[in-house]
Amino acid sequence: MPAIFSERDKGELYERMIAEGCRLVRERGIRRLRVEDVTRAVGIAKGTFYSFFPSKEQFIYAMMTEGRQDLMDLLMRLHDERGALGRDEMREWLQAMWRSERNVYRIVTLEDYEWLMAHLEPEASFDPAKDMQVMGAIAELLEDVRPDCDWRVFANLQKTLALALLGRENLHPDALERTVDALIEAMLDEVFGKWHQRSLDIT
């Protein structure tokens, strides 16, 4: 990368490329996206693009994962503001994750996703071991987690929601957002227990 770019410039350029990539994928799909489309939209040379991302596939993978840190930052802000996080804060966080217009699972199709996974290196895949590391970090911030919570179930529900969004053309569109909410509530039930059961336990 040319030395004239400051660290701030690099960060801003990275964000612009990700934002334009999301827009272009929404318009054209993954397989029809070209590096030239991104560089033209952002106003940079192809060489600059490749100094950030070694391939189109790695660029799209970055689009799929770049929001993770933002979401963890949001979770930490909620924790700093409110202390240990309960069901309401966890719901707020999950809705921020799954309702975001930049959530790539809302943009790409199942066919595009399968194509991408076939073209990525194995270390770039979404494996269960990484899921559990993330779940462990989240669990430390929560209160009133039920003793028999199975974070593997939580992770599977997350993946189920991702697959539902990827295959959204096969779902009832007018019920999609309620489906998202239902899966989020299922995740919360796994972590905190069902509301009606908790009421019975309290009484």
Protein backbone atom coordinates (compact mmCIF):
# COMPACT_ATOMS: atom_id res chain seq x y z
CA MET A 1 0.00 0.00 0.00
CA PRO A 2 1.36 3.47 -0.84
CA ALA A 3 3.00 5.13 2.14
CA ILE A 4 0.92 8.30 1.63
CA PHE A 5 -2.05 6.56 3.25
CA SER A 6 -2.26 7.25 6.97
CA GLU A 7 -3.74 4.65 9.30
CA ARG A 8 -6.91 6.73 9.41
CA ASP A 9 -6.99 6.84 5.59
CA LYS A 10 -6.60 3.07 5.46
CA GLY A 11 -9.45 2.54 7.89
CA GLU A 12 -11.75 4.90 6.03
CA LEU A 13 -10.88 3.32 2.68
CA TYR A 14 -11.50 -0.15 4.07
CA GLU A 15 -14.94 0.91 5.31
CA ARG A 16 -15.79 2.50 1.96
CA MET A 17 -14.84 -0.64 0.08
CA ILE A 18 -16.92 -2.80 2.42
CA ALA A 19 -19.91 -0.46 2.10
CA GLU A 20 -19.68 -0.37 -1.70
CA GLY A 21 -19.21 -4.13 -1.78
CA CYS A 22 -22.43 -4.62 0.17
CA ARG A 23 -24.30 -2.31 -2.17
CA LEU A 24 -22.96 -4.02 -5.28
CA VAL A 25 -23.60 -7.53 -3.98
CA ARG A 26 -27.15 -6.50 -3.14
CA GLU A 27 -27.59 -5.32 -6.73
CA ARG A 28 -25.74 -8.08 -8.61
CA GLY A 29 -24.95 -11.01 -6.35
CA ILE A 30 -21.56 -12.40 -5.41
CA ARG A 31 -20.64 -14.17 -8.61
CA ARG A 32 -21.35 -11.14 -10.80
CA LEU A 33 -19.39 -8.78 -8.54
CA ARG A 34 -16.09 -7.71 -10.09
CA VAL A 35 -13.12 -6.13 -8.35
CA GLU A 36 -13.23 -3.42 -11.01
CA ASP A 37 -16.75 -2.51 -9.88
CA VAL A 38 -15.54 -1.89 -6.34
CA THR A 39 -12.43 0.05 -7.30
CA ARG A 40 -14.39 2.22 -9.72
CA ALA A 41 -17.04 2.99 -7.12
CA VAL A 42 -14.44 3.91 -4.50
CA GLY A 43 -12.04 5.66 -6.91
CA ILE A 44 -8.92 3.58 -6.36
CA ALA A 45 -6.59 1.46 -8.47
CA LYS A 46 -6.84 -2.32 -8.51
CA GLY A 47 -3.39 -2.53 -6.94
CA THR A 48 -4.67 -0.63 -3.91
CA PHE A 49 -7.60 -3.03 -3.59
CA TYR A 50 -5.26 -6.03 -3.64
CA SER A 51 -3.09 -4.48 -0.95
CA PHE A 52 -6.13 -4.87 1.32
CA PHE A 53 -7.59 -8.13 0.01
CA PRO A 54 -5.69 -10.88 -1.86
CA SER A 55 -8.80 -11.93 -3.82
CA LYS A 56 -12.42 -11.15 -4.48
CA GLU A 57 -13.39 -14.11 -2.30
CA GLN A 58 -11.39 -12.79 0.65
CA PHE A 59 -13.00 -9.39 0.16
CA ILE A 60 -16.47 -10.92 0.36
CA TYR A 61 -15.44 -12.96 3.39
CA ALA A 62 -14.30 -9.72 5.02
CA MET A 63 -17.74 -8.26 4.26
CA MET A 64 -19.30 -11.23 6.04
CA THR A 65 -17.11 -10.93 9.13
CA GLU A 66 -16.30 -7.23 9.50
CA GLY A 67 -19.44 -6.55 11.48
CA ARG A 68 -18.44 -8.99 14.21
CA GLN A 69 -16.11 -6.55 15.94
CA ASP A 70 -18.70 -3.76 15.73
CA LEU A 71 -21.21 -6.08 17.36
CA MET A 72 -18.79 -7.04 20.12
CA ASP A 73 -18.10 -3.34 20.66
CA LEU A 74 -21.86 -2.75 20.96
CA LEU A 75 -22.13 -5.56 23.51
CA MET A 76 -19.29 -4.06 25.53
CA ARG A 77 -20.95 -0.61 25.42
CA LEU A 78 -24.20 -2.11 26.69
CA HIS A 79 -22.23 -3.82 29.45
CA ASP A 80 -20.42 -0.61 30.40
CA GLU A 81 -23.68 1.36 30.49
CA ARG A 82 -25.92 -1.17 32.24
CA GLY A 83 -23.65 -3.62 34.03
CA ALA A 84 -24.23 -7.35 33.66
CA LEU A 85 -26.49 -8.00 30.70
CA GLY A 86 -29.84 -9.75 30.92
CA ARG A 87 -32.45 -10.92 28.46
CA ASP A 88 -33.51 -7.42 27.31
CA GLU A 89 -29.96 -6.30 26.53
CA MET A 90 -29.20 -9.57 24.78
CA ARG A 91 -32.35 -9.16 22.66
CA GLU A 92 -31.29 -5.62 21.74
CA TRP A 93 -27.88 -6.92 20.67
CA LEU A 94 -29.25 -9.82 18.62
CA GLN A 95 -31.74 -7.56 16.88
CA ALA A 96 -28.95 -5.13 16.01
CA MET A 97 -27.07 -8.06 14.51
CA TRP A 98 -29.84 -9.70 12.51
CA ARG A 99 -31.81 -6.62 11.42
CA SER A 100 -28.83 -4.71 10.08
CA GLU A 101 -29.04 -3.81 6.39
CA ARG A 102 -25.33 -4.68 6.21
CA ASN A 103 -25.87 -8.19 7.48
CA VAL A 104 -24.52 -10.10 4.49
CA TYR A 105 -26.93 -12.98 5.03
CA ARG A 106 -29.68 -10.53 4.08
CA ILE A 107 -27.83 -9.61 0.89
CA VAL A 108 -26.45 -12.79 -0.67
CA THR A 109 -28.34 -15.86 -1.85
CA LEU A 110 -27.82 -19.43 -0.69
CA GLU A 111 -26.26 -20.29 -4.05
CA ASP A 112 -23.82 -17.38 -3.75
CA TYR A 113 -22.92 -18.41 -0.20
CA GLU A 114 -22.24 -22.00 -1.24
CA TRP A 115 -20.10 -20.76 -4.13
CA LEU A 116 -18.11 -18.56 -1.74
CA MET A 117 -17.53 -21.34 0.79
CA ALA A 118 -16.24 -23.56 -2.03
CA HIS A 119 -13.71 -20.91 -3.04
CA LEU A 120 -12.38 -19.94 0.39
CA GLU A 121 -9.41 -21.44 2.18
CA PRO A 122 -10.40 -23.83 5.01
CA GLU A 123 -9.14 -21.44 7.68
CA ALA A 124 -11.61 -18.81 6.45
CA SER A 125 -14.65 -20.98 7.13
CA PHE A 126 -17.02 -20.60 10.06
CA ASP A 127 -16.05 -23.50 12.29
CA PRO A 128 -17.70 -24.57 15.59
CA ALA A 129 -14.51 -24.10 17.63
CA LYS A 130 -14.46 -20.38 16.82
CA ASP A 131 -18.17 -20.18 17.60
CA MET A 132 -17.57 -21.55 21.07
CA GLN A 133 -14.76 -19.07 21.74
CA VAL A 134 -17.11 -16.21 20.90
CA MET A 135 -19.92 -17.71 22.96
CA GLY A 136 -17.58 -18.02 25.95
CA ALA A 137 -16.68 -14.34 25.75
CA ILE A 138 -20.35 -13.36 25.54
CA ALA A 139 -21.33 -15.60 28.47
CA GLU A 140 -18.95 -13.75 30.79
CA LEU A 141 -20.96 -10.55 30.29
CA LEU A 142 -24.38 -12.05 31.05
CA GLU A 143 -26.36 -12.53 34.26
CA ASP A 144 -29.07 -15.06 35.07
CA VAL A 145 -27.85 -17.55 32.46
CA ARG A 146 -29.62 -20.84 33.11
CA PRO A 147 -27.29 -23.54 34.46
CA ASP A 148 -28.00 -26.00 31.66
CA CYS A 149 -27.61 -23.51 28.81
CA ASP A 150 -26.03 -25.24 25.83
CA TRP A 151 -24.09 -22.70 23.78
CA ARG A 152 -23.89 -25.17 20.92
CA VAL A 153 -27.67 -24.88 20.60
CA PHE A 154 -27.36 -21.09 20.64
CA ALA A 155 -24.74 -21.25 17.88
CA ASN A 156 -26.90 -23.64 15.86
CA LEU A 157 -29.87 -21.30 16.15
CA GLN A 158 -27.65 -18.47 14.89
CA LYS A 159 -26.69 -20.59 11.89
CA THR A 160 -30.33 -21.56 11.35
CA LEU A 161 -31.24 -17.89 11.16
CA ALA A 162 -28.40 -17.27 8.71
CA LEU A 163 -29.64 -20.12 6.51
CA ALA A 164 -33.21 -18.82 6.71
CA LEU A 165 -32.07 -15.42 5.46
CA LEU A 166 -29.93 -16.99 2.74
CA GLY A 167 -32.94 -19.01 1.56
CA ARG A 168 -35.44 -16.18 2.05
CA GLU A 169 -36.88 -16.59 -1.48
CA ASN A 170 -38.38 -19.89 -0.27
CA LEU A 171 -40.02 -18.31 2.79
CA HIS A 172 -43.17 -16.24 3.19
CA PRO A 173 -41.79 -12.69 2.76
CA ASP A 174 -44.50 -11.05 4.85
CA ALA A 175 -43.58 -13.29 7.80
CA LEU A 176 -39.78 -13.08 7.46
CA GLU A 177 -39.16 -10.50 10.17
CA ARG A 178 -41.46 -12.32 12.60
CA THR A 179 -39.48 -15.46 11.83
CA VAL A 180 -36.28 -13.58 12.68
CA ASP A 181 -37.85 -12.47 15.97
CA ALA A 182 -39.01 -16.01 16.77
CA LEU A 183 -35.52 -17.43 16.27
CA ILE A 184 -34.04 -14.65 18.40
CA GLU A 185 -36.51 -15.52 21.17
CA ALA A 186 -35.51 -19.18 20.84
CA MET A 187 -31.88 -18.14 21.37
CA LEU A 188 -32.88 -16.13 24.44
CA ASP A 189 -34.86 -19.08 25.78
CA GLU A 190 -31.79 -21.29 25.47
CA VAL A 191 -29.65 -18.80 27.37
CA PHE A 192 -32.10 -17.50 29.99
CA GLY A 193 -34.94 -20.04 30.01
CA LYS A 194 -38.50 -19.65 28.81
CA TRP A 195 -40.45 -16.78 30.32
CA HIS A 196 -43.34 -18.95 31.52
CA GLN A 197 -40.97 -21.47 33.10
CA ARG A 198 -39.01 -18.74 34.87
CA SER A 199 -42.29 -17.37 36.31
CA LEU A 200 -43.19 -20.81 37.64
CA ASP A 201 -39.71 -21.16 39.14
CA ILE A 202 -40.00 -17.78 40.91
CA THR A 203 -43.41 -18.53 42.36
